[in-house]
Amino acid sequence: MKKSRYGISVCLLIVLFFSRIASGYAFVNNGIAYQILWDEDKTVAVVNYGRDVEEYAGNIFIPEKVTYDGVEYLVTSIGNNAFRNCKALTSITIPESVLSIGNDAFPCCI
């Protein structure tokens, strides 16, 4: 019985994790949308705003760290489709803390 409960708990955690990522951005800081990746590690990813907000434009500077709700997070990745269709994007500065860039992070930006 313990194995069954453990398996169900793990499955629920996985579902919650992926539903949180799929739900869009968690917060916006200085015009950039972020999704919290891990609360324990205090890491975030730059993500796309979605359809309800203007796209990124101009010169974008991604900081190494951002603060949200009094907590400092390290920016470690750029999510899938983060800058999709950002035709008004002029330049982007990416900090060394970014260790991964998702699939199609910059499609159709020209």
PDB file of N, CA and C in Angstrom:
ATOM      1  N   MET A   1       0.811  -1.193   0.000  1.00  0.00           N
ATOM      2  CA  MET A   1       0.000   0.000   0.000  1.00  0.00           C
ATOM      3  C   MET A   1       0.858   1.262   0.000  1.00  0.00           C
ATOM      4  N   LYS A   2       1.990   1.244   0.713  1.00  0.00           N
ATOM      5  CA  LYS A   2       2.861   2.412   0.765  1.00  0.00           C
ATOM      6  C   LYS A   2       3.424   2.751  -0.608  1.00  0.00           C
ATOM      7  N   LYS A   3       3.797   1.724  -1.390  1.00  0.00           N
ATOM      8  CA  LYS A   3       4.330   1.961  -2.731  1.00  0.00           C
ATOM      9  C   LYS A   3       3.288   2.631  -3.608  1.00  0.00           C
ATOM     10  N   SER A   4       2.047   2.231  -3.488  1.00  0.00           N
ATOM     11  CA  SER A   4       0.969   2.792  -4.280  1.00  0.00           C
ATOM     12  C   SER A   4       0.757   4.267  -3.954  1.00  0.00           C
ATOM     13  N   ARG A   5       0.741   4.607  -2.689  1.00  0.00           N
ATOM     14  CA  ARG A   5       0.575   6.003  -2.287  1.00  0.00           C
ATOM     15  C   ARG A   5       1.757   6.857  -2.735  1.00  0.00           C
ATOM     16  N   TYR A   6       2.957   6.291  -2.636  1.00  0.00           N
ATOM     17  CA  TYR A   6       4.150   7.007  -3.072  1.00  0.00           C
ATOM     18  C   TYR A   6       4.079   7.278  -4.573  1.00  0.00           C
ATOM     19  N   GLY A   7       3.683   6.289  -5.355  1.00  0.00           N
ATOM     20  CA  GLY A   7       3.569   6.439  -6.806  1.00  0.00           C
ATOM     21  C   GLY A   7       2.549   7.496  -7.181  1.00  0.00           C
ATOM     22  N   ILE A   8       1.424   7.498  -6.509  1.00  0.00           N
ATOM     23  CA  ILE A   8       0.386   8.496  -6.767  1.00  0.00           C
ATOM     24  C   ILE A   8       0.892   9.887  -6.401  1.00  0.00           C
ATOM     25  N   SER A   9       1.589  10.010  -5.295  1.00  0.00           N
ATOM     26  CA  SER A   9       2.134  11.306  -4.875  1.00  0.00           C
ATOM     27  C   SER A   9       3.121  11.847  -5.897  1.00  0.00           C
ATOM     28  N   VAL A  10       3.996  10.975  -6.385  1.00  0.00           N
ATOM     29  CA  VAL A  10       4.975  11.396  -7.388  1.00  0.00           C
ATOM     30  C   VAL A  10       4.269  11.834  -8.657  1.00  0.00           C
ATOM     31  N   CYS A  11       3.274  11.081  -9.098  1.00  0.00           N
ATOM     32  CA  CYS A  11       2.521  11.443 -10.304  1.00  0.00           C
ATOM     33  C   CYS A  11       1.835  12.798 -10.142  1.00  0.00           C
ATOM     34  N   LEU A  12       1.236  13.032  -8.991  1.00  0.00           N
ATOM     35  CA  LEU A  12       0.583  14.318  -8.747  1.00  0.00           C
ATOM     36  C   LEU A  12       1.577  15.467  -8.771  1.00  0.00           C
ATOM     37  N   LEU A  13       2.740  15.267  -8.184  1.00  0.00           N
ATOM     38  CA  LEU A  13       3.762  16.318  -8.211  1.00  0.00           C
ATOM     39  C   LEU A  13       4.206  16.622  -9.632  1.00  0.00           C
ATOM     40  N   ILE A  14       4.382  15.603 -10.438  1.00  0.00           N
ATOM     41  CA  ILE A  14       4.785  15.799 -11.832  1.00  0.00           C
ATOM     42  C   ILE A  14       3.707  16.563 -12.589  1.00  0.00           C
ATOM     43  N   VAL A  15       2.462  16.190 -12.424  1.00  0.00           N
ATOM     44  CA  VAL A  15       1.354  16.880 -13.088  1.00  0.00           C
ATOM     45  C   VAL A  15       1.291  18.335 -12.659  1.00  0.00           C
ATOM     46  N   LEU A  16       1.417  18.598 -11.369  1.00  0.00           N
ATOM     47  CA  LEU A  16       1.391  19.978 -10.876  1.00  0.00           C
ATOM     48  C   LEU A  16       2.545  20.797 -11.444  1.00  0.00           C
ATOM     49  N   PHE A  17       3.734  20.202 -11.511  1.00  0.00           N
ATOM     50  CA  PHE A  17       4.895  20.903 -12.046  1.00  0.00           C
ATOM     51  C   PHE A  17       4.674  21.299 -13.491  1.00  0.00           C
ATOM     52  N   PHE A  18       4.252  20.352 -14.336  1.00  0.00           N
ATOM     53  CA  PHE A  18       4.076  20.655 -15.746  1.00  0.00           C
ATOM     54  C   PHE A  18       2.872  21.543 -16.005  1.00  0.00           C
ATOM     55  N   SER A  19       1.839  21.450 -15.214  1.00  0.00           N
ATOM     56  CA  SER A  19       0.696  22.342 -15.400  1.00  0.00           C
ATOM     57  C   SER A  19       1.083  23.767 -15.032  1.00  0.00           C
ATOM     58  N   ARG A  20       1.965  23.918 -14.077  1.00  0.00           N
ATOM     59  CA  ARG A  20       2.422  25.247 -13.685  1.00  0.00           C
ATOM     60  C   ARG A  20       3.230  25.890 -14.807  1.00  0.00           C
ATOM     61  N   ILE A  21       4.103  25.125 -15.449  1.00  0.00           N
ATOM     62  CA  ILE A  21       4.888  25.644 -16.563  1.00  0.00           C
ATOM     63  C   ILE A  21       3.989  25.998 -17.734  1.00  0.00           C
ATOM     64  N   ALA A  22       3.004  25.168 -18.009  1.00  0.00           N
ATOM     65  CA  ALA A  22       2.127  25.383 -19.159  1.00  0.00           C
ATOM     66  C   ALA A  22       1.151  26.529 -18.941  1.00  0.00           C
ATOM     67  N   SER A  23       0.985  26.972 -17.711  1.00  0.00           N
ATOM     68  CA  SER A  23      -0.037  27.966 -17.414  1.00  0.00           C
ATOM     69  C   SER A  23       0.366  29.387 -17.779  1.00  0.00           C
ATOM     70  N   GLY A  24       1.549  29.616 -18.304  1.00  0.00           N
ATOM     71  CA  GLY A  24       1.970  30.956 -18.665  1.00  0.00           C
ATOM     72  C   GLY A  24       2.972  31.507 -17.677  1.00  0.00           C
ATOM     73  N   TYR A  25       3.014  32.826 -17.590  1.00  0.00           N
ATOM     74  CA  TYR A  25       4.021  33.415 -16.727  1.00  0.00           C
ATOM     75  C   TYR A  25       3.514  33.567 -15.296  1.00  0.00           C
ATOM     76  N   ALA A  26       4.461  33.578 -14.371  1.00  0.00           N
ATOM     77  CA  ALA A  26       4.124  33.728 -12.957  1.00  0.00           C
ATOM     78  C   ALA A  26       4.153  35.192 -12.540  1.00  0.00           C
ATOM     79  N   PHE A  27       5.126  35.948 -13.103  1.00  0.00           N
ATOM     80  CA  PHE A  27       5.232  37.363 -12.757  1.00  0.00           C
ATOM     81  C   PHE A  27       6.010  38.107 -13.834  1.00  0.00           C
ATOM     82  N   VAL A  28       5.872  39.427 -13.810  1.00  0.00           N
ATOM     83  CA  VAL A  28       6.586  40.296 -14.748  1.00  0.00           C
ATOM     84  C   VAL A  28       7.469  41.227 -13.932  1.00  0.00           C
ATOM     85  N   ASN A  29       8.718  41.382 -14.361  1.00  0.00           N
ATOM     86  CA  ASN A  29       9.669  42.263 -13.687  1.00  0.00           C
ATOM     87  C   ASN A  29      10.375  43.078 -14.756  1.00  0.00           C
ATOM     88  N   ASN A  30      10.244  44.387 -14.704  1.00  0.00           N
ATOM     89  CA  ASN A  30      10.862  45.299 -15.677  1.00  0.00           C
ATOM     90  C   ASN A  30      10.553  44.911 -17.119  1.00  0.00           C
ATOM     91  N   GLY A  31       9.309  44.560 -17.381  1.00  0.00           N
ATOM     92  CA  GLY A  31       8.866  44.272 -18.736  1.00  0.00           C
ATOM     93  C   GLY A  31       9.182  42.888 -19.255  1.00  0.00           C
ATOM     94  N   ILE A  32       9.718  41.998 -18.417  1.00  0.00           N
ATOM     95  CA  ILE A  32      10.043  40.636 -18.833  1.00  0.00           C
ATOM     96  C   ILE A  32       9.218  39.666 -17.993  1.00  0.00           C
ATOM     97  N   ALA A  33       8.612  38.683 -18.669  1.00  0.00           N
ATOM     98  CA  ALA A  33       7.794  37.679 -17.986  1.00  0.00           C
ATOM     99  C   ALA A  33       8.671  36.513 -17.549  1.00  0.00           C
ATOM    100  N   TYR A  34       8.421  36.023 -16.345  1.00  0.00           N
ATOM    101  CA  TYR A  34       9.195  34.916 -15.783  1.00  0.00           C
ATOM    102  C   TYR A  34       8.271  33.823 -15.273  1.00  0.00           C
ATOM    103  N   GLN A  35       8.763  32.589 -15.345  1.00  0.00           N
ATOM    104  CA  GLN A  35       8.091  31.438 -14.749  1.00  0.00           C
ATOM    105  C   GLN A  35       9.025  30.864 -13.701  1.00  0.00           C
ATOM    106  N   ILE A  36       8.536  30.651 -12.501  1.00  0.00           N
ATOM    107  CA  ILE A  36       9.351  30.053 -11.444  1.00  0.00           C
ATOM    108  C   ILE A  36       9.561  28.584 -11.783  1.00  0.00           C
ATOM    109  N   LEU A  37      10.820  28.169 -11.841  1.00  0.00           N
ATOM    110  CA  LEU A  37      11.138  26.780 -12.151  1.00  0.00           C
ATOM    111  C   LEU A  37      11.177  25.932 -10.894  1.00  0.00           C
ATOM    112  N   TRP A  38      11.952  26.388  -9.908  1.00  0.00           N
ATOM    113  CA  TRP A  38      12.094  25.657  -8.650  1.00  0.00           C
ATOM    114  C   TRP A  38      12.113  26.655  -7.503  1.00  0.00           C
ATOM    115  N   ASP A  39      11.152  26.536  -6.613  1.00  0.00           N
ATOM    116  CA  ASP A  39      11.120  27.400  -5.437  1.00  0.00           C
ATOM    117  C   ASP A  39      12.322  27.146  -4.536  1.00  0.00           C
ATOM    118  N   GLU A  40      12.712  25.874  -4.415  1.00  0.00           N
ATOM    119  CA  GLU A  40      13.816  25.518  -3.520  1.00  0.00           C
ATOM    120  C   GLU A  40      15.150  26.118  -3.995  1.00  0.00           C
ATOM    121  N   ASP A  41      15.403  26.047  -5.298  1.00  0.00           N
ATOM    122  CA  ASP A  41      16.653  26.571  -5.869  1.00  0.00           C
ATOM    123  C   ASP A  41      16.563  28.055  -6.195  1.00  0.00           C
ATOM    124  N   LYS A  42      15.355  28.599  -6.129  1.00  0.00           N
ATOM    125  CA  LYS A  42      15.121  30.019  -6.461  1.00  0.00           C
ATOM    126  C   LYS A  42      15.583  30.324  -7.887  1.00  0.00           C
ATOM    127  N   THR A  43      15.056  29.544  -8.866  1.00  0.00           N
ATOM    128  CA  THR A  43      15.407  29.752 -10.267  1.00  0.00           C
ATOM    129  C   THR A  43      14.159  30.055 -11.088  1.00  0.00           C
ATOM    130  N   VAL A  44      14.357  30.856 -12.146  1.00  0.00           N
ATOM    131  CA  VAL A  44      13.263  31.221 -13.044  1.00  0.00           C
ATOM    132  C   VAL A  44      13.720  31.132 -14.496  1.00  0.00           C
ATOM    133  N   ALA A  45      12.727  31.087 -15.383  1.00  0.00           N
ATOM    134  CA  ALA A  45      12.959  31.114 -16.825  1.00  0.00           C
ATOM    135  C   ALA A  45      12.250  32.323 -17.407  1.00  0.00           C
ATOM    136  N   VAL A  46      12.845  32.922 -18.431  1.00  0.00           N
ATOM    137  CA  VAL A  46      12.174  33.969 -19.197  1.00  0.00           C
ATOM    138  C   VAL A  46      11.181  33.264 -20.105  1.00  0.00           C
ATOM    139  N   VAL A  47       9.941  33.739 -20.141  1.00  0.00           N
ATOM    140  CA  VAL A  47       8.901  33.106 -20.944  1.00  0.00           C
ATOM    141  C   VAL A  47       8.143  34.138 -21.766  1.00  0.00           C
ATOM    142  N   ASN A  48       7.322  33.645 -22.672  1.00  0.00           N
ATOM    143  CA  ASN A  48       6.485  34.496 -23.509  1.00  0.00           C
ATOM    144  C   ASN A  48       5.315  35.006 -22.686  1.00  0.00           C
ATOM    145  N   TYR A  49       4.901  36.238 -22.941  1.00  0.00           N
ATOM    146  CA  TYR A  49       3.756  36.815 -22.236  1.00  0.00           C
ATOM    147  C   TYR A  49       2.468  36.061 -22.528  1.00  0.00           C
ATOM    148  N   GLY A  50       2.315  35.618 -23.753  1.00  0.00           N
ATOM    149  CA  GLY A  50       1.051  35.037 -24.175  1.00  0.00           C
ATOM    150  C   GLY A  50       0.313  36.033 -25.034  1.00  0.00           C
ATOM    151  N   ARG A  51      -0.872  35.709 -25.422  1.00  0.00           N
ATOM    152  CA  ARG A  51      -1.633  36.526 -26.373  1.00  0.00           C
ATOM    153  C   ARG A  51      -2.216  37.793 -25.769  1.00  0.00           C
ATOM    154  N   ASP A  52      -2.396  37.829 -24.472  1.00  0.00           N
ATOM    155  CA  ASP A  52      -3.111  38.942 -23.850  1.00  0.00           C
ATOM    156  C   ASP A  52      -2.249  40.161 -23.537  1.00  0.00           C
ATOM    157  N   VAL A  53      -0.948  40.086 -23.806  1.00  0.00           N
ATOM    158  CA  VAL A  53      -0.041  41.183 -23.469  1.00  0.00           C
ATOM    159  C   VAL A  53       0.848  41.483 -24.675  1.00  0.00           C
ATOM    160  N   GLU A  54       1.310  42.712 -24.777  1.00  0.00           N
ATOM    161  CA  GLU A  54       2.192  43.081 -25.883  1.00  0.00           C
ATOM    162  C   GLU A  54       3.441  42.217 -25.910  1.00  0.00           C
ATOM    163  N   GLU A  55       3.984  42.039 -27.121  1.00  0.00           N
ATOM    164  CA  GLU A  55       5.203  41.255 -27.278  1.00  0.00           C
ATOM    165  C   GLU A  55       6.425  42.080 -26.883  1.00  0.00           C
ATOM    166  N   TYR A  56       7.546  41.387 -26.745  1.00  0.00           N
ATOM    167  CA  TYR A  56       8.794  42.068 -26.432  1.00  0.00           C
ATOM    168  C   TYR A  56       9.213  42.938 -27.606  1.00  0.00           C
ATOM    169  N   ALA A  57       9.785  44.100 -27.319  1.00  0.00           N
ATOM    170  CA  ALA A  57      10.221  45.017 -28.367  1.00  0.00           C
ATOM    171  C   ALA A  57      11.430  45.803 -27.887  1.00  0.00           C
ATOM    172  N   GLY A  58      12.206  46.306 -28.851  1.00  0.00           N
ATOM    173  CA  GLY A  58      13.354  47.149 -28.524  1.00  0.00           C
ATOM    174  C   GLY A  58      14.535  46.352 -28.031  1.00  0.00           C
ATOM    175  N   ASN A  59      15.324  46.991 -27.168  1.00  0.00           N
ATOM    176  CA  ASN A  59      16.510  46.368 -26.596  1.00  0.00           C
ATOM    177  C   ASN A  59      16.128  45.726 -25.268  1.00  0.00           C
ATOM    178  N   ILE A  60      16.283  44.414 -25.176  1.00  0.00           N
ATOM    179  CA  ILE A  60      15.916  43.679 -23.974  1.00  0.00           C
ATOM    180  C   ILE A  60      17.187  43.298 -23.221  1.00  0.00           C
ATOM    181  N   PHE A  61      17.209  43.615 -21.948  1.00  0.00           N
ATOM    182  CA  PHE A  61      18.312  43.225 -21.071  1.00  0.00           C
ATOM    183  C   PHE A  61      17.755  42.267 -20.028  1.00  0.00           C
ATOM    184  N   ILE A  62      18.205  41.022 -20.065  1.00  0.00           N
ATOM    185  CA  ILE A  62      17.772  40.036 -19.076  1.00  0.00           C
ATOM    186  C   ILE A  62      18.772  40.083 -17.921  1.00  0.00           C
ATOM    187  N   PRO A  63      18.318  40.400 -16.730  1.00  0.00           N
ATOM    188  CA  PRO A  63      19.241  40.439 -15.593  1.00  0.00           C
ATOM    189  C   PRO A  63      19.597  39.035 -15.107  1.00  0.00           C
ATOM    190  N   GLU A  64      20.666  38.934 -14.370  1.00  0.00           N
ATOM    191  CA  GLU A  64      21.074  37.647 -13.806  1.00  0.00           C
ATOM    192  C   GLU A  64      20.127  37.221 -12.690  1.00  0.00           C
ATOM    193  N   LYS A  65      19.617  38.201 -11.938  1.00  0.00           N
ATOM    194  CA  LYS A  65      18.709  37.911 -10.823  1.00  0.00           C
ATOM    195  C   LYS A  65      17.531  38.870 -10.866  1.00  0.00           C
ATOM    196  N   VAL A  66      16.377  38.380 -10.426  1.00  0.00           N
ATOM    197  CA  VAL A  66      15.176  39.202 -10.309  1.00  0.00           C
ATOM    198  C   VAL A  66      14.543  38.954  -8.950  1.00  0.00           C
ATOM    199  N   THR A  67      13.800  39.938  -8.478  1.00  0.00           N
ATOM    200  CA  THR A  67      13.126  39.810  -7.191  1.00  0.00           C
ATOM    201  C   THR A  67      11.624  39.821  -7.414  1.00  0.00           C
ATOM    202  N   TYR A  68      10.949  38.882  -6.766  1.00  0.00           N
ATOM    203  CA  TYR A  68       9.498  38.795  -6.840  1.00  0.00           C
ATOM    204  C   TYR A  68       8.968  38.435  -5.459  1.00  0.00           C
ATOM    205  N   ASP A  69       8.046  39.209  -4.995  1.00  0.00           N
ATOM    206  CA  ASP A  69       7.412  38.949  -3.699  1.00  0.00           C
ATOM    207  C   ASP A  69       8.445  38.840  -2.579  1.00  0.00           C
ATOM    208  N   GLY A  70       9.504  39.663  -2.673  1.00  0.00           N
ATOM    209  CA  GLY A  70      10.536  39.683  -1.641  1.00  0.00           C
ATOM    210  C   GLY A  70      11.568  38.574  -1.740  1.00  0.00           C
ATOM    211  N   VAL A  71      11.486  37.739  -2.780  1.00  0.00           N
ATOM    212  CA  VAL A  71      12.410  36.625  -2.952  1.00  0.00           C
ATOM    213  C   VAL A  71      13.261  36.876  -4.195  1.00  0.00           C
ATOM    214  N   GLU A  72      14.571  36.658  -4.071  1.00  0.00           N
ATOM    215  CA  GLU A  72      15.475  36.839  -5.206  1.00  0.00           C
ATOM    216  C   GLU A  72      15.641  35.509  -5.946  1.00  0.00           C
ATOM    217  N   TYR A  73      15.457  35.547  -7.267  1.00  0.00           N
ATOM    218  CA  TYR A  73      15.568  34.360  -8.115  1.00  0.00           C
ATOM    219  C   TYR A  73      16.699  34.529  -9.116  1.00  0.00           C
ATOM    220  N   LEU A  74      17.368  33.438  -9.440  1.00  0.00           N
ATOM    221  CA  LEU A  74      18.414  33.408 -10.454  1.00  0.00           C
ATOM    222  C   LEU A  74      17.775  33.039 -11.788  1.00  0.00           C
ATOM    223  N   VAL A  75      18.062  33.812 -12.820  1.00  0.00           N
ATOM    224  CA  VAL A  75      17.534  33.537 -14.155  1.00  0.00           C
ATOM    225  C   VAL A  75      18.447  32.500 -14.803  1.00  0.00           C
ATOM    226  N   THR A  76      17.918  31.281 -15.017  1.00  0.00           N
ATOM    227  CA  THR A  76      18.760  30.188 -15.512  1.00  0.00           C
ATOM    228  C   THR A  76      18.394  29.697 -16.905  1.00  0.00           C
ATOM    229  N   SER A  77      17.268  30.158 -17.453  1.00  0.00           N
ATOM    230  CA  SER A  77      16.908  29.677 -18.783  1.00  0.00           C
ATOM    231  C   SER A  77      15.968  30.636 -19.503  1.00  0.00           C
ATOM    232  N   ILE A  78      15.900  30.417 -20.807  1.00  0.00           N
ATOM    233  CA  ILE A  78      14.945  31.109 -21.665  1.00  0.00           C
ATOM    234  C   ILE A  78      14.030  30.017 -22.189  1.00  0.00           C
ATOM    235  N   GLY A  79      12.750  30.140 -21.946  1.00  0.00           N
ATOM    236  CA  GLY A  79      11.801  29.090 -22.272  1.00  0.00           C
ATOM    237  C   GLY A  79      11.510  28.931 -23.749  1.00  0.00           C
ATOM    238  N   ASN A  80      10.856  27.827 -24.079  1.00  0.00           N
ATOM    239  CA  ASN A  80      10.400  27.575 -25.445  1.00  0.00           C
ATOM    240  C   ASN A  80       9.527  28.732 -25.915  1.00  0.00           C
ATOM    241  N   ASN A  81       9.751  29.202 -27.117  1.00  0.00           N
ATOM    242  CA  ASN A  81       8.928  30.244 -27.737  1.00  0.00           C
ATOM    243  C   ASN A  81       8.917  31.566 -26.975  1.00  0.00           C
ATOM    244  N   ALA A  82       9.898  31.799 -26.126  1.00  0.00           N
ATOM    245  CA  ALA A  82       9.908  32.997 -25.281  1.00  0.00           C
ATOM    246  C   ALA A  82       9.820  34.290 -26.092  1.00  0.00           C
ATOM    247  N   PHE A  83      10.498  34.342 -27.213  1.00  0.00           N
ATOM    248  CA  PHE A  83      10.510  35.562 -28.021  1.00  0.00           C
ATOM    249  C   PHE A  83       9.885  35.338 -29.397  1.00  0.00           C
ATOM    250  N   ARG A  84       8.940  34.425 -29.481  1.00  0.00           N
ATOM    251  CA  ARG A  84       8.274  34.107 -30.749  1.00  0.00           C
ATOM    252  C   ARG A  84       7.574  35.344 -31.324  1.00  0.00           C
ATOM    253  N   ASN A  85       7.812  35.573 -32.618  1.00  0.00           N
ATOM    254  CA  ASN A  85       7.150  36.651 -33.367  1.00  0.00           C
ATOM    255  C   ASN A  85       7.403  38.052 -32.815  1.00  0.00           C
ATOM    256  N   CYS A  86       8.509  38.253 -32.149  1.00  0.00           N
ATOM    257  CA  CYS A  86       8.838  39.575 -31.610  1.00  0.00           C
ATOM    258  C   CYS A  86       9.585  40.374 -32.679  1.00  0.00           C
ATOM    259  N   LYS A  87       8.850  40.791 -33.678  1.00  0.00           N
ATOM    260  CA  LYS A  87       9.443  41.473 -34.831  1.00  0.00           C
ATOM    261  C   LYS A  87      10.028  42.841 -34.476  1.00  0.00           C
ATOM    262  N   ALA A  88       9.599  43.419 -33.377  1.00  0.00           N
ATOM    263  CA  ALA A  88      10.110  44.720 -32.956  1.00  0.00           C
ATOM    264  C   ALA A  88      11.302  44.592 -32.009  1.00  0.00           C
ATOM    265  N   LEU A  89      11.785  43.384 -31.807  1.00  0.00           N
ATOM    266  CA  LEU A  89      12.943  43.147 -30.950  1.00  0.00           C
ATOM    267  C   LEU A  89      14.203  43.605 -31.677  1.00  0.00           C
ATOM    268  N   THR A  90      14.978  44.495 -31.057  1.00  0.00           N
ATOM    269  CA  THR A  90      16.190  45.034 -31.662  1.00  0.00           C
ATOM    270  C   THR A  90      17.421  44.273 -31.221  1.00  0.00           C
ATOM    271  N   SER A  91      17.539  44.035 -29.909  1.00  0.00           N
ATOM    272  CA  SER A  91      18.675  43.283 -29.379  1.00  0.00           C
ATOM    273  C   SER A  91      18.277  42.658 -28.051  1.00  0.00           C
ATOM    274  N   ILE A  92      19.073  41.671 -27.638  1.00  0.00           N
ATOM    275  CA  ILE A  92      18.826  41.024 -26.366  1.00  0.00           C
ATOM    276  C   ILE A  92      20.159  40.722 -25.704  1.00  0.00           C
ATOM    277  N   THR A  93      20.270  41.063 -24.433  1.00  0.00           N
ATOM    278  CA  THR A  93      21.469  40.771 -23.654  1.00  0.00           C
ATOM    279  C   THR A  93      21.116  39.639 -22.696  1.00  0.00           C
ATOM    280  N   ILE A  94      21.871  38.531 -22.783  1.00  0.00           N
ATOM    281  CA  ILE A  94      21.608  37.342 -21.986  1.00  0.00           C
ATOM    282  C   ILE A  94      22.729  37.175 -20.966  1.00  0.00           C
ATOM    283  N   PRO A  95      22.392  37.042 -19.687  1.00  0.00           N
ATOM    284  CA  PRO A  95      23.441  36.904 -18.661  1.00  0.00           C
ATOM    285  C   PRO A  95      24.087  35.513 -18.688  1.00  0.00           C
ATOM    286  N   GLU A  96      25.244  35.415 -18.087  1.00  0.00           N
ATOM    287  CA  GLU A  96      25.954  34.135 -18.005  1.00  0.00           C
ATOM    288  C   GLU A  96      25.214  33.109 -17.156  1.00  0.00           C
ATOM    289  N   SER A  97      24.292  33.550 -16.333  1.00  0.00           N
ATOM    290  CA  SER A  97      23.536  32.618 -15.492  1.00  0.00           C
ATOM    291  C   SER A  97      22.570  31.751 -16.304  1.00  0.00           C
ATOM    292  N   VAL A  98      22.252  32.176 -17.532  1.00  0.00           N
ATOM    293  CA  VAL A  98      21.357  31.389 -18.387  1.00  0.00           C
ATOM    294  C   VAL A  98      22.123  30.187 -18.920  1.00  0.00           C
ATOM    295  N   LEU A  99      21.662  29.001 -18.521  1.00  0.00           N
ATOM    296  CA  LEU A  99      22.336  27.758 -18.884  1.00  0.00           C
ATOM    297  C   LEU A  99      21.642  27.016 -20.018  1.00  0.00           C
ATOM    298  N   SER A 100      20.392  27.380 -20.317  1.00  0.00           N
ATOM    299  CA  SER A 100      19.688  26.710 -21.401  1.00  0.00           C
ATOM    300  C   SER A 100      18.736  27.672 -22.096  1.00  0.00           C
ATOM    301  N   ILE A 101      18.570  27.420 -23.389  1.00  0.00           N
ATOM    302  CA  ILE A 101      17.636  28.193 -24.212  1.00  0.00           C
ATOM    303  C   ILE A 101      16.710  27.179 -24.862  1.00  0.00           C
ATOM    304  N   GLY A 102      15.412  27.364 -24.667  1.00  0.00           N
ATOM    305  CA  GLY A 102      14.418  26.405 -25.141  1.00  0.00           C
ATOM    306  C   GLY A 102      14.268  26.385 -26.645  1.00  0.00           C
ATOM    307  N   ASN A 103      13.531  25.382 -27.110  1.00  0.00           N
ATOM    308  CA  ASN A 103      13.236  25.234 -28.533  1.00  0.00           C
ATOM    309  C   ASN A 103      12.480  26.442 -29.062  1.00  0.00           C
ATOM    310  N   ASP A 104      12.858  26.871 -30.240  1.00  0.00           N
ATOM    311  CA  ASP A 104      12.190  27.984 -30.905  1.00  0.00           C
ATOM    312  C   ASP A 104      12.066  29.218 -30.016  1.00  0.00           C
ATOM    313  N   ALA A 105      13.092  29.517 -29.271  1.00  0.00           N
ATOM    314  CA  ALA A 105      13.053  30.678 -28.375  1.00  0.00           C
ATOM    315  C   ALA A 105      12.990  31.998 -29.152  1.00  0.00           C
ATOM    316  N   PHE A 106      13.537  32.013 -30.367  1.00  0.00           N
ATOM    317  CA  PHE A 106      13.590  33.265 -31.137  1.00  0.00           C
ATOM    318  C   PHE A 106      13.052  33.126 -32.564  1.00  0.00           C
ATOM    319  N   PRO A 107      11.982  32.394 -32.817  1.00  0.00           N
ATOM    320  CA  PRO A 107      11.518  32.258 -34.195  1.00  0.00           C
ATOM    321  C   PRO A 107      10.783  33.505 -34.673  1.00  0.00           C
ATOM    322  N   CYS A 108      10.905  33.785 -35.946  1.00  0.00           N
ATOM    323  CA  CYS A 108      10.160  34.867 -36.601  1.00  0.00           C
ATOM    324  C   CYS A 108      10.415  36.225 -35.954  1.00  0.00           C
ATOM    325  N   CYS A 109      11.646  36.495 -35.559  1.00  0.00           N
ATOM    326  CA  CYS A 109      11.956  37.776 -34.919  1.00  0.00           C
ATOM    327  C   CYS A 109      12.449  38.820 -35.920  1.00  0.00           C
ATOM    328  N   ILE A 110      12.539  38.447 -37.179  1.00  0.00           N
ATOM    329  CA  ILE A 110      13.058  39.402 -38.177  1.00  0.00           C
ATOM    330  C   ILE A 110      11.902  40.032 -38.924  1.00  0.00           C
TER     331      ILE A 110
END
